[in-house]
Amino acid sequence: MRARQLEVFVAVMRAGSITAAARMLNISQPALSQILLHAEDELGFALFTREKGRLHPTPEALELHGEAETLFNGLEGLRRKTADLRLGRAGLVRIATSPPPAMSFLPGVLASYRAAHPDVLLRSHVAPLLALIGMLRAGDAAMALALDDDLPPDIVTERLGTTGFSCLLPAGHALAAADSLSLADLAGVPLISYRNATRPHAELSATARRQGLRFEPMLEIDLSITAVGFVQAGLGVAVVDSLLPWTQFAGLHVRPLRDGPTLPLSLLTVQNRSLSRAEDVMRDHIRAAWHKSDL
């Protein structure tokens, strides 16, 4: 029995008449009758008898009905699933991010995406840039968000926007009286910032050289979030990205770095690797969310 014949058979069994079944399937009565006749021809036995204008299932039809309902329900589930996949309503989205977007931009993106696509499974990873690249290459993440766009050729980078730098000062620090700080203002101050051979360090060092200064952190970090405890402990002033919402942490003064460089916020994917429909919808959602954001 073919899928369309199965559908007609189940509809007639449920509705009890050709007229009601045709209405249920939104087809004409002659078309439904023809499909039913073809099914009976192929099966080699009748499915219904007609008495006084009414249909009555044969013993063979009654025998088939239970399994037919099971198959039909499975077919309906498959149709719903394929429709969901086509529209991005079902599936899995795997996204990895560095800590700044994970703590600022991504939560709102995931919340609004979940509201629109509640059946999609979301899987998030937070890691440094090198780990993000490894996850993308291994297929553990389909896309990533990071503050860099100078990456190996197999990693496709799409710049969404930029963010600047902020200075984190311990409570009571003398420089907290200023509304903003420059690299010159930080001369002679113990600095906490990114280690050498990272994009933020390169940008800060290049800006310092253009201003006739040197950028030499006394305490180097890999992840900007780790600066919080060091600043709270009075170990120095941190120069970190402005994307992460620093004002949520107690015991800190946050001041923008004046005349400082910027960092790109990039959406990363792997070259020549297709996204699922749900992941493609997420990528479009990320783009739209960034353009609407005030970050």
C-alpha atoms as a PDB file:
ATOM      1  CA  MET A   1       0.000   0.000   0.000  1.00  0.00           C
ATOM      2  CA  ARG A   2       1.453   3.317  -1.052  1.00  0.00           C
ATOM      3  CA  ALA A   3       1.611   6.368   1.190  1.00  0.00           C
ATOM      4  CA  ARG A   4      -1.316   8.144  -0.485  1.00  0.00           C
ATOM      5  CA  GLN A   5      -3.393   4.951  -0.459  1.00  0.00           C
ATOM      6  CA  LEU A   6      -2.563   4.490   3.233  1.00  0.00           C
ATOM      7  CA  GLU A   7      -3.653   8.062   3.913  1.00  0.00           C
ATOM      8  CA  VAL A   8      -6.983   7.535   2.110  1.00  0.00           C
ATOM      9  CA  PHE A   9      -7.626   4.207   3.818  1.00  0.00           C
ATOM     10  CA  VAL A  10      -7.040   5.640   7.297  1.00  0.00           C
ATOM     11  CA  ALA A  11      -9.151   8.712   6.508  1.00  0.00           C
ATOM     12  CA  VAL A  12     -12.107   6.559   5.389  1.00  0.00           C
ATOM     13  CA  MET A  13     -11.765   4.330   8.458  1.00  0.00           C
ATOM     14  CA  ARG A  14     -11.767   7.373  10.700  1.00  0.00           C
ATOM     15  CA  ALA A  15     -14.499   9.312   8.919  1.00  0.00           C
ATOM     16  CA  GLY A  16     -16.785   6.425   8.041  1.00  0.00           C
ATOM     17  CA  SER A  17     -17.733   7.782   4.621  1.00  0.00           C
ATOM     18  CA  ILE A  18     -16.238   8.832   1.307  1.00  0.00           C
ATOM     19  CA  THR A  19     -17.685  12.330   1.638  1.00  0.00           C
ATOM     20  CA  ALA A  20     -16.260  13.002   5.092  1.00  0.00           C
ATOM     21  CA  ALA A  21     -12.892  11.461   4.233  1.00  0.00           C
ATOM     22  CA  ALA A  22     -12.599  13.578   1.072  1.00  0.00           C
ATOM     23  CA  ARG A  23     -13.400  16.674   3.123  1.00  0.00           C
ATOM     24  CA  MET A  24     -10.776  15.665   5.702  1.00  0.00           C
ATOM     25  CA  LEU A  25      -8.090  15.288   3.024  1.00  0.00           C
ATOM     26  CA  ASN A  26      -9.274  18.302   1.015  1.00  0.00           C
ATOM     27  CA  ILE A  27      -9.676  16.297  -2.213  1.00  0.00           C
ATOM     28  CA  SER A  28     -12.690  15.495  -4.388  1.00  0.00           C
ATOM     29  CA  GLN A  29     -14.857  12.436  -3.750  1.00  0.00           C
ATOM     30  CA  PRO A  30     -14.160  10.934  -7.199  1.00  0.00           C
ATOM     31  CA  ALA A  31     -10.383  11.318  -6.668  1.00  0.00           C
ATOM     32  CA  LEU A  32     -10.583   9.636  -3.268  1.00  0.00           C
ATOM     33  CA  SER A  33     -12.744   6.799  -4.628  1.00  0.00           C
ATOM     34  CA  GLN A  34     -10.270   6.217  -7.453  1.00  0.00           C
ATOM     35  CA  ILE A  35      -7.310   6.002  -5.042  1.00  0.00           C
ATOM     36  CA  LEU A  36      -9.247   3.554  -2.888  1.00  0.00           C
ATOM     37  CA  LEU A  37     -10.126   1.370  -5.898  1.00  0.00           C
ATOM     38  CA  HIS A  38      -6.464   1.287  -6.988  1.00  0.00           C
ATOM     39  CA  ALA A  39      -5.460   0.240  -3.479  1.00  0.00           C
ATOM     40  CA  GLU A  40      -7.958  -2.614  -3.517  1.00  0.00           C
ATOM     41  CA  ASP A  41      -6.762  -3.707  -6.986  1.00  0.00           C
ATOM     42  CA  GLU A  42      -3.141  -3.809  -5.847  1.00  0.00           C
ATOM     43  CA  LEU A  43      -3.978  -5.588  -2.588  1.00  0.00           C
ATOM     44  CA  GLY A  44      -6.167  -8.147  -4.329  1.00  0.00           C
ATOM     45  CA  PHE A  45      -9.068  -7.856  -1.903  1.00  0.00           C
ATOM     46  CA  ALA A  46     -11.790  -5.361  -0.996  1.00  0.00           C
ATOM     47  CA  LEU A  47     -11.362  -2.957   1.887  1.00  0.00           C
ATOM     48  CA  PHE A  48     -14.986  -1.822   2.106  1.00  0.00           C
ATOM     49  CA  THR A  49     -18.431  -3.056   1.152  1.00  0.00           C
ATOM     50  CA  ARG A  50     -21.226  -0.720   0.264  1.00  0.00           C
ATOM     51  CA  GLU A  51     -24.671  -1.362   1.705  1.00  0.00           C
ATOM     52  CA  LYS A  52     -27.547   1.091   1.423  1.00  0.00           C
ATOM     53  CA  GLY A  53     -25.133   3.901   0.560  1.00  0.00           C
ATOM     54  CA  ARG A  54     -22.884   3.294   3.557  1.00  0.00           C
ATOM     55  CA  LEU A  55     -19.351   1.932   3.707  1.00  0.00           C
ATOM     56  CA  HIS A  56     -18.536  -1.024   5.910  1.00  0.00           C
ATOM     57  CA  PRO A  57     -14.925  -2.190   6.427  1.00  0.00           C
ATOM     58  CA  THR A  58     -14.237  -5.768   5.451  1.00  0.00           C
ATOM     59  CA  PRO A  59     -12.585  -8.189   7.906  1.00  0.00           C
ATOM     60  CA  GLU A  60      -9.328  -7.651   5.988  1.00  0.00           C
ATOM     61  CA  ALA A  61      -9.620  -3.871   6.465  1.00  0.00           C
ATOM     62  CA  LEU A  62     -10.238  -4.319  10.172  1.00  0.00           C
ATOM     63  CA  GLU A  63      -7.179  -6.560  10.330  1.00  0.00           C
ATOM     64  CA  LEU A  64      -5.034  -3.929   8.605  1.00  0.00           C
ATOM     65  CA  HIS A  65      -6.400  -0.932  10.447  1.00  0.00           C
ATOM     66  CA  GLY A  66      -4.216  -1.065  13.569  1.00  0.00           C
ATOM     67  CA  GLU A  67      -0.945  -1.260  11.689  1.00  0.00           C
ATOM     68  CA  ALA A  68      -2.173   1.249   9.125  1.00  0.00           C
ATOM     69  CA  GLU A  69      -2.861   3.769  11.896  1.00  0.00           C
ATOM     70  CA  THR A  70       0.629   3.214  13.296  1.00  0.00           C
ATOM     71  CA  LEU A  71       2.242   3.717   9.897  1.00  0.00           C
ATOM     72  CA  PHE A  72       0.072   6.732   9.145  1.00  0.00           C
ATOM     73  CA  ASN A  73       0.953   8.398  12.454  1.00  0.00           C
ATOM     74  CA  GLY A  74       4.613   7.771  11.728  1.00  0.00           C
ATOM     75  CA  LEU A  75       4.202   9.300   8.273  1.00  0.00           C
ATOM     76  CA  GLU A  76       2.493  12.343   9.762  1.00  0.00           C
ATOM     77  CA  GLY A  77       5.303  12.692  12.298  1.00  0.00           C
ATOM     78  CA  LEU A  78       7.871  12.493   9.496  1.00  0.00           C
ATOM     79  CA  ARG A  79       6.044  15.201   7.556  1.00  0.00           C
ATOM     80  CA  ARG A  80       5.951  17.468  10.601  1.00  0.00           C
ATOM     81  CA  LYS A  81       9.638  16.835  11.265  1.00  0.00           C
ATOM     82  CA  THR A  82      10.657  17.628   7.680  1.00  0.00           C
ATOM     83  CA  ALA A  83       8.541  20.779   7.747  1.00  0.00           C
ATOM     84  CA  ASP A  84      10.155  21.797  11.027  1.00  0.00           C
ATOM     85  CA  LEU A  85      13.632  21.177   9.617  1.00  0.00           C
ATOM     86  CA  ARG A  86      12.811  23.145   6.470  1.00  0.00           C
ATOM     87  CA  LEU A  87      11.602  26.095   8.553  1.00  0.00           C
ATOM     88  CA  GLY A  88      14.390  25.822  11.130  1.00  0.00           C
ATOM     89  CA  ARG A  89      11.966  24.839  13.909  1.00  0.00           C
ATOM     90  CA  ALA A  90      13.695  21.611  14.883  1.00  0.00           C
ATOM     91  CA  GLY A  91      17.210  20.267  15.028  1.00  0.00           C
ATOM     92  CA  LEU A  92      20.405  21.143  16.854  1.00  0.00           C
ATOM     93  CA  VAL A  93      22.345  24.405  16.975  1.00  0.00           C
ATOM     94  CA  ARG A  94      25.946  24.159  18.210  1.00  0.00           C
ATOM     95  CA  ILE A  95      27.568  27.490  18.952  1.00  0.00           C
ATOM     96  CA  ALA A  96      30.824  28.308  20.731  1.00  0.00           C
ATOM     97  CA  THR A  97      31.945  31.692  21.994  1.00  0.00           C
ATOM     98  CA  SER A  98      34.725  33.398  23.835  1.00  0.00           C
ATOM     99  CA  PRO A  99      33.687  34.735  27.268  1.00  0.00           C
ATOM    100  CA  PRO A 100      32.960  38.399  26.308  1.00  0.00           C
ATOM    101  CA  PRO A 101      30.157  37.656  23.819  1.00  0.00           C
ATOM    102  CA  ALA A 102      29.019  34.710  25.952  1.00  0.00           C
ATOM    103  CA  MET A 103      28.385  37.058  28.875  1.00  0.00           C
ATOM    104  CA  SER A 104      26.997  40.008  26.934  1.00  0.00           C
ATOM    105  CA  PHE A 105      25.558  39.437  23.473  1.00  0.00           C
ATOM    106  CA  LEU A 106      24.816  35.714  23.303  1.00  0.00           C
ATOM    107  CA  PRO A 107      22.253  35.327  26.147  1.00  0.00           C
ATOM    108  CA  GLY A 108      19.818  37.721  24.492  1.00  0.00           C
ATOM    109  CA  VAL A 109      20.348  36.036  21.124  1.00  0.00           C
ATOM    110  CA  LEU A 110      19.604  32.587  22.524  1.00  0.00           C
ATOM    111  CA  ALA A 111      16.564  33.825  24.446  1.00  0.00           C
ATOM    112  CA  SER A 112      14.951  35.415  21.407  1.00  0.00           C
ATOM    113  CA  TYR A 113      15.879  32.445  19.185  1.00  0.00           C
ATOM    114  CA  ARG A 114      14.379  30.009  21.695  1.00  0.00           C
ATOM    115  CA  ALA A 115      11.163  32.055  21.778  1.00  0.00           C
ATOM    116  CA  ALA A 116      10.857  31.747  17.992  1.00  0.00           C
ATOM    117  CA  HIS A 117      12.108  28.142  17.729  1.00  0.00           C
ATOM    118  CA  PRO A 118      11.240  26.330  20.988  1.00  0.00           C
ATOM    119  CA  ASP A 119      11.845  22.839  19.566  1.00  0.00           C
ATOM    120  CA  VAL A 120      15.483  23.415  18.591  1.00  0.00           C
ATOM    121  CA  LEU A 121      18.128  21.983  20.912  1.00  0.00           C
ATOM    122  CA  LEU A 122      20.756  24.624  21.725  1.00  0.00           C
ATOM    123  CA  ARG A 123      24.294  23.604  22.674  1.00  0.00           C
ATOM    124  CA  SER A 124      26.716  26.314  23.815  1.00  0.00           C
ATOM    125  CA  HIS A 125      30.448  26.155  24.568  1.00  0.00           C
ATOM    126  CA  VAL A 126      32.587  28.914  26.101  1.00  0.00           C
ATOM    127  CA  ALA A 127      36.330  28.760  25.474  1.00  0.00           C
ATOM    128  CA  PRO A 128      39.407  30.779  24.380  1.00  0.00           C
ATOM    129  CA  LEU A 129      39.958  31.459  20.696  1.00  0.00           C
ATOM    130  CA  LEU A 130      42.316  28.543  19.975  1.00  0.00           C
ATOM    131  CA  ALA A 131      39.847  26.125  21.551  1.00  0.00           C
ATOM    132  CA  LEU A 132      37.022  27.642  19.489  1.00  0.00           C
ATOM    133  CA  ILE A 133      38.963  26.946  16.295  1.00  0.00           C
ATOM    134  CA  GLY A 134      39.517  23.356  17.401  1.00  0.00           C
ATOM    135  CA  MET A 135      35.798  22.903  18.098  1.00  0.00           C
ATOM    136  CA  LEU A 136      34.867  24.265  14.690  1.00  0.00           C
ATOM    137  CA  ARG A 137      37.327  21.982  12.901  1.00  0.00           C
ATOM    138  CA  ALA A 138      36.219  18.927  14.898  1.00  0.00           C
ATOM    139  CA  GLY A 139      32.538  19.633  14.267  1.00  0.00           C
ATOM    140  CA  ASP A 140      31.774  20.156  17.954  1.00  0.00           C
ATOM    141  CA  ALA A 141      30.507  23.629  17.045  1.00  0.00           C
ATOM    142  CA  ALA A 142      28.993  24.818  13.775  1.00  0.00           C
ATOM    143  CA  MET A 143      29.739  28.484  14.411  1.00  0.00           C
ATOM    144  CA  ALA A 144      31.553  30.638  16.923  1.00  0.00           C
ATOM    145  CA  LEU A 145      31.734  34.224  18.142  1.00  0.00           C
ATOM    146  CA  ALA A 146      35.145  35.697  18.905  1.00  0.00           C
ATOM    147  CA  LEU A 147      36.976  39.023  19.137  1.00  0.00           C
ATOM    148  CA  ASP A 148      39.262  38.388  16.177  1.00  0.00           C
ATOM    149  CA  ASP A 149      39.117  38.197  12.382  1.00  0.00           C
ATOM    150  CA  ASP A 150      42.730  37.322  11.532  1.00  0.00           C
ATOM    151  CA  LEU A 151      42.416  33.547  11.504  1.00  0.00           C
ATOM    152  CA  PRO A 152      43.634  30.528   9.487  1.00  0.00           C
ATOM    153  CA  PRO A 153      42.306  30.285   5.910  1.00  0.00           C
ATOM    154  CA  ASP A 154      39.960  27.383   6.653  1.00  0.00           C
ATOM    155  CA  ILE A 155      38.055  29.526   9.176  1.00  0.00           C
ATOM    156  CA  VAL A 156      35.566  31.877   7.531  1.00  0.00           C
ATOM    157  CA  THR A 157      35.214  35.150   9.415  1.00  0.00           C
ATOM    158  CA  GLU A 158      32.285  37.515   9.126  1.00  0.00           C
ATOM    159  CA  ARG A 159      32.772  40.769  10.998  1.00  0.00           C
ATOM    160  CA  LEU A 160      29.591  41.758  12.823  1.00  0.00           C
ATOM    161  CA  GLY A 161      30.924  44.918  14.441  1.00  0.00           C
ATOM    162  CA  THR A 162      33.576  46.221  16.802  1.00  0.00           C
ATOM    163  CA  THR A 163      34.097  46.904  20.469  1.00  0.00           C
ATOM    164  CA  GLY A 164      36.592  49.095  22.285  1.00  0.00           C
ATOM    165  CA  PHE A 165      38.549  48.715  25.526  1.00  0.00           C
ATOM    166  CA  SER A 166      37.781  49.556  29.142  1.00  0.00           C
ATOM    167  CA  CYS A 167      39.895  50.137  32.201  1.00  0.00           C
ATOM    168  CA  LEU A 168      39.030  48.315  35.419  1.00  0.00           C
ATOM    169  CA  LEU A 169      40.248  50.032  38.566  1.00  0.00           C
ATOM    170  CA  PRO A 170      40.089  48.821  42.170  1.00  0.00           C
ATOM    171  CA  ALA A 171      37.807  50.662  44.559  1.00  0.00           C
ATOM    172  CA  GLY A 172      39.289  53.954  45.725  1.00  0.00           C
ATOM    173  CA  HIS A 173      41.902  54.190  42.969  1.00  0.00           C
ATOM    174  CA  ALA A 174      43.054  57.750  42.271  1.00  0.00           C
ATOM    175  CA  LEU A 175      42.397  57.496  38.531  1.00  0.00           C
ATOM    176  CA  ALA A 176      38.729  56.694  39.156  1.00  0.00           C
ATOM    177  CA  ALA A 177      38.018  60.424  39.388  1.00  0.00           C
ATOM    178  CA  ALA A 178      38.384  60.710  35.598  1.00  0.00           C
ATOM    179  CA  ASP A 179      35.487  59.999  33.235  1.00  0.00           C
ATOM    180  CA  SER A 180      37.809  58.192  30.820  1.00  0.00           C
ATOM    181  CA  LEU A 181      41.457  57.195  30.678  1.00  0.00           C
ATOM    182  CA  SER A 182      44.124  57.136  27.973  1.00  0.00           C
ATOM    183  CA  LEU A 183      47.158  54.899  27.698  1.00  0.00           C
ATOM    184  CA  ALA A 184      49.237  57.918  28.703  1.00  0.00           C
ATOM    185  CA  ASP A 185      47.192  58.197  31.926  1.00  0.00           C
ATOM    186  CA  LEU A 186      48.146  54.613  32.716  1.00  0.00           C
ATOM    187  CA  ALA A 187      51.908  55.177  32.388  1.00  0.00           C
ATOM    188  CA  GLY A 188      53.635  53.931  35.524  1.00  0.00           C
ATOM    189  CA  VAL A 189      50.526  52.073  36.722  1.00  0.00           C
ATOM    190  CA  PRO A 190      50.791  48.266  37.159  1.00  0.00           C
ATOM    191  CA  LEU A 191      48.769  46.907  34.252  1.00  0.00           C
ATOM    192  CA  ILE A 192      46.772  43.707  33.934  1.00  0.00           C
ATOM    193  CA  SER A 193      46.022  42.790  30.336  1.00  0.00           C
ATOM    194  CA  TYR A 194      46.272  40.228  27.571  1.00  0.00           C
ATOM    195  CA  ARG A 195      49.395  38.186  27.027  1.00  0.00           C
ATOM    196  CA  ASN A 196      51.703  38.672  24.082  1.00  0.00           C
ATOM    197  CA  ALA A 197      50.785  37.030  20.729  1.00  0.00           C
ATOM    198  CA  THR A 198      47.065  37.721  21.127  1.00  0.00           C
ATOM    199  CA  ARG A 199      44.950  40.071  19.005  1.00  0.00           C
ATOM    200  CA  PRO A 200      44.047  42.440  21.892  1.00  0.00           C
ATOM    201  CA  HIS A 201      47.692  42.741  22.965  1.00  0.00           C
ATOM    202  CA  ALA A 202      48.775  43.434  19.391  1.00  0.00           C
ATOM    203  CA  GLU A 203      46.159  46.172  18.971  1.00  0.00           C
ATOM    204  CA  LEU A 204      46.996  47.821  22.294  1.00  0.00           C
ATOM    205  CA  SER A 205      50.745  47.652  21.639  1.00  0.00           C
ATOM    206  CA  ALA A 206      50.367  49.145  18.162  1.00  0.00           C
ATOM    207  CA  THR A 207      48.237  52.012  19.508  1.00  0.00           C
ATOM    208  CA  ALA A 208      50.762  52.675  22.290  1.00  0.00           C
ATOM    209  CA  ARG A 209      53.628  52.850  19.787  1.00  0.00           C
ATOM    210  CA  ARG A 210      51.729  55.364  17.661  1.00  0.00           C
ATOM    211  CA  GLN A 211      51.313  57.487  20.778  1.00  0.00           C
ATOM    212  CA  GLY A 212      55.008  57.209  21.672  1.00  0.00           C
ATOM    213  CA  LEU A 213      54.297  54.864  24.559  1.00  0.00           C
ATOM    214  CA  ARG A 214      54.968  51.254  25.535  1.00  0.00           C
ATOM    215  CA  PHE A 215      52.281  48.792  26.502  1.00  0.00           C
ATOM    216  CA  GLU A 216      53.770  46.302  28.967  1.00  0.00           C
ATOM    217  CA  PRO A 217      51.358  44.509  31.303  1.00  0.00           C
ATOM    218  CA  MET A 218      52.829  43.386  34.601  1.00  0.00           C
ATOM    219  CA  LEU A 219      50.240  40.600  34.875  1.00  0.00           C
ATOM    220  CA  GLU A 220      49.237  38.820  31.683  1.00  0.00           C
ATOM    221  CA  ILE A 221      45.905  37.042  31.187  1.00  0.00           C
ATOM    222  CA  ASP A 222      44.354  34.826  28.507  1.00  0.00           C
ATOM    223  CA  LEU A 223      40.698  35.577  29.273  1.00  0.00           C
ATOM    224  CA  SER A 224      39.502  39.057  30.138  1.00  0.00           C
ATOM    225  CA  ILE A 225      37.078  37.763  32.788  1.00  0.00           C
ATOM    226  CA  THR A 226      40.015  36.591  34.912  1.00  0.00           C
ATOM    227  CA  ALA A 227      41.078  40.225  35.412  1.00  0.00           C
ATOM    228  CA  VAL A 228      38.190  40.871  37.801  1.00  0.00           C
ATOM    229  CA  GLY A 229      39.628  39.064  40.801  1.00  0.00           C
ATOM    230  CA  PHE A 230      43.108  40.492  40.222  1.00  0.00           C
ATOM    231  CA  VAL A 231      41.785  44.064  40.132  1.00  0.00           C
ATOM    232  CA  GLN A 232      39.592  43.491  43.192  1.00  0.00           C
ATOM    233  CA  ALA A 233      42.707  42.241  45.006  1.00  0.00           C
ATOM    234  CA  GLY A 234      44.502  45.508  44.185  1.00  0.00           C
ATOM    235  CA  LEU A 235      47.083  43.988  41.828  1.00  0.00           C
ATOM    236  CA  GLY A 236      46.715  46.754  39.255  1.00  0.00           C
ATOM    237  CA  VAL A 237      44.498  48.337  36.616  1.00  0.00           C
ATOM    238  CA  ALA A 238      43.147  46.062  33.908  1.00  0.00           C
ATOM    239  CA  VAL A 239      42.802  47.020  30.248  1.00  0.00           C
ATOM    240  CA  VAL A 240      40.225  44.674  28.763  1.00  0.00           C
ATOM    241  CA  ASP A 241      37.555  44.531  26.067  1.00  0.00           C
ATOM    242  CA  SER A 242      34.451  46.668  26.513  1.00  0.00           C
ATOM    243  CA  LEU A 243      32.035  43.961  25.384  1.00  0.00           C
ATOM    244  CA  LEU A 244      31.804  42.138  28.673  1.00  0.00           C
ATOM    245  CA  PRO A 245      29.405  43.890  31.126  1.00  0.00           C
ATOM    246  CA  TRP A 246      31.987  44.863  33.728  1.00  0.00           C
ATOM    247  CA  THR A 247      29.692  47.020  35.856  1.00  0.00           C
ATOM    248  CA  GLN A 248      28.014  43.911  37.246  1.00  0.00           C
ATOM    249  CA  PHE A 249      31.082  43.154  39.364  1.00  0.00           C
ATOM    250  CA  ALA A 250      31.407  44.727  42.799  1.00  0.00           C
ATOM    251  CA  GLY A 251      34.539  46.526  43.932  1.00  0.00           C
ATOM    252  CA  LEU A 252      35.453  47.901  40.485  1.00  0.00           C
ATOM    253  CA  HIS A 253      35.458  51.276  38.778  1.00  0.00           C
ATOM    254  CA  VAL A 254      34.973  50.948  35.012  1.00  0.00           C
ATOM    255  CA  ARG A 255      36.243  53.693  32.706  1.00  0.00           C
ATOM    256  CA  PRO A 256      36.460  53.675  28.895  1.00  0.00           C
ATOM    257  CA  LEU A 257      39.925  53.704  27.310  1.00  0.00           C
ATOM    258  CA  ARG A 258      40.092  56.967  25.397  1.00  0.00           C
ATOM    259  CA  ASP A 259      41.726  56.995  21.921  1.00  0.00           C
ATOM    260  CA  GLY A 260      42.229  53.264  22.137  1.00  0.00           C
ATOM    261  CA  PRO A 261      41.974  50.616  19.443  1.00  0.00           C
ATOM    262  CA  THR A 262      38.987  48.442  18.635  1.00  0.00           C
ATOM    263  CA  LEU A 263      38.452  44.711  18.343  1.00  0.00           C
ATOM    264  CA  PRO A 264      36.243  42.997  15.758  1.00  0.00           C
ATOM    265  CA  LEU A 265      33.400  40.794  16.901  1.00  0.00           C
ATOM    266  CA  SER A 266      33.355  38.044  14.294  1.00  0.00           C
ATOM    267  CA  LEU A 267      31.086  35.154  13.443  1.00  0.00           C
ATOM    268  CA  LEU A 268      33.230  32.132  12.587  1.00  0.00           C
ATOM    269  CA  THR A 269      32.401  29.072  10.494  1.00  0.00           C
ATOM    270  CA  VAL A 270      34.449  26.406   8.703  1.00  0.00           C
ATOM    271  CA  GLN A 271      35.096  26.790   5.001  1.00  0.00           C
ATOM    272  CA  ASN A 272      33.195  24.389   2.709  1.00  0.00           C
ATOM    273  CA  ARG A 273      31.092  22.985   5.568  1.00  0.00           C
ATOM    274  CA  SER A 274      27.355  23.516   5.293  1.00  0.00           C
ATOM    275  CA  LEU A 275      25.167  24.552   8.206  1.00  0.00           C
ATOM    276  CA  SER A 276      21.944  22.785   9.045  1.00  0.00           C
ATOM    277  CA  ARG A 277      18.756  24.710   8.404  1.00  0.00           C
ATOM    278  CA  ALA A 278      18.388  25.458  12.131  1.00  0.00           C
ATOM    279  CA  GLU A 279      22.000  26.675  12.304  1.00  0.00           C
ATOM    280  CA  ASP A 280      21.542  28.805   9.197  1.00  0.00           C
ATOM    281  CA  VAL A 281      18.517  30.438  10.823  1.00  0.00           C
ATOM    282  CA  MET A 282      20.615  31.033  13.959  1.00  0.00           C
ATOM    283  CA  ARG A 283      23.316  32.741  11.872  1.00  0.00           C
ATOM    284  CA  ASP A 284      20.732  35.113  10.397  1.00  0.00           C
ATOM    285  CA  HIS A 285      19.338  35.667  13.886  1.00  0.00           C
ATOM    286  CA  ILE A 286      22.793  36.602  15.204  1.00  0.00           C
ATOM    287  CA  ARG A 287      23.312  39.099  12.392  1.00  0.00           C
ATOM    288  CA  ALA A 288      19.953  40.748  12.993  1.00  0.00           C
ATOM    289  CA  ALA A 289      20.420  40.801  16.771  1.00  0.00           C
ATOM    290  CA  TRP A 290      23.809  42.523  16.515  1.00  0.00           C
ATOM    291  CA  HIS A 291      22.436  45.258  14.262  1.00  0.00           C
ATOM    292  CA  LYS A 292      19.665  45.893  16.793  1.00  0.00           C
ATOM    293  CA  SER A 293      21.959  45.811  19.825  1.00  0.00           C
ATOM    294  CA  ASP A 294      23.500  48.810  21.548  1.00  0.00           C
ATOM    295  CA  LEU A 295      26.760  47.028  22.370  1.00  0.00           C
END
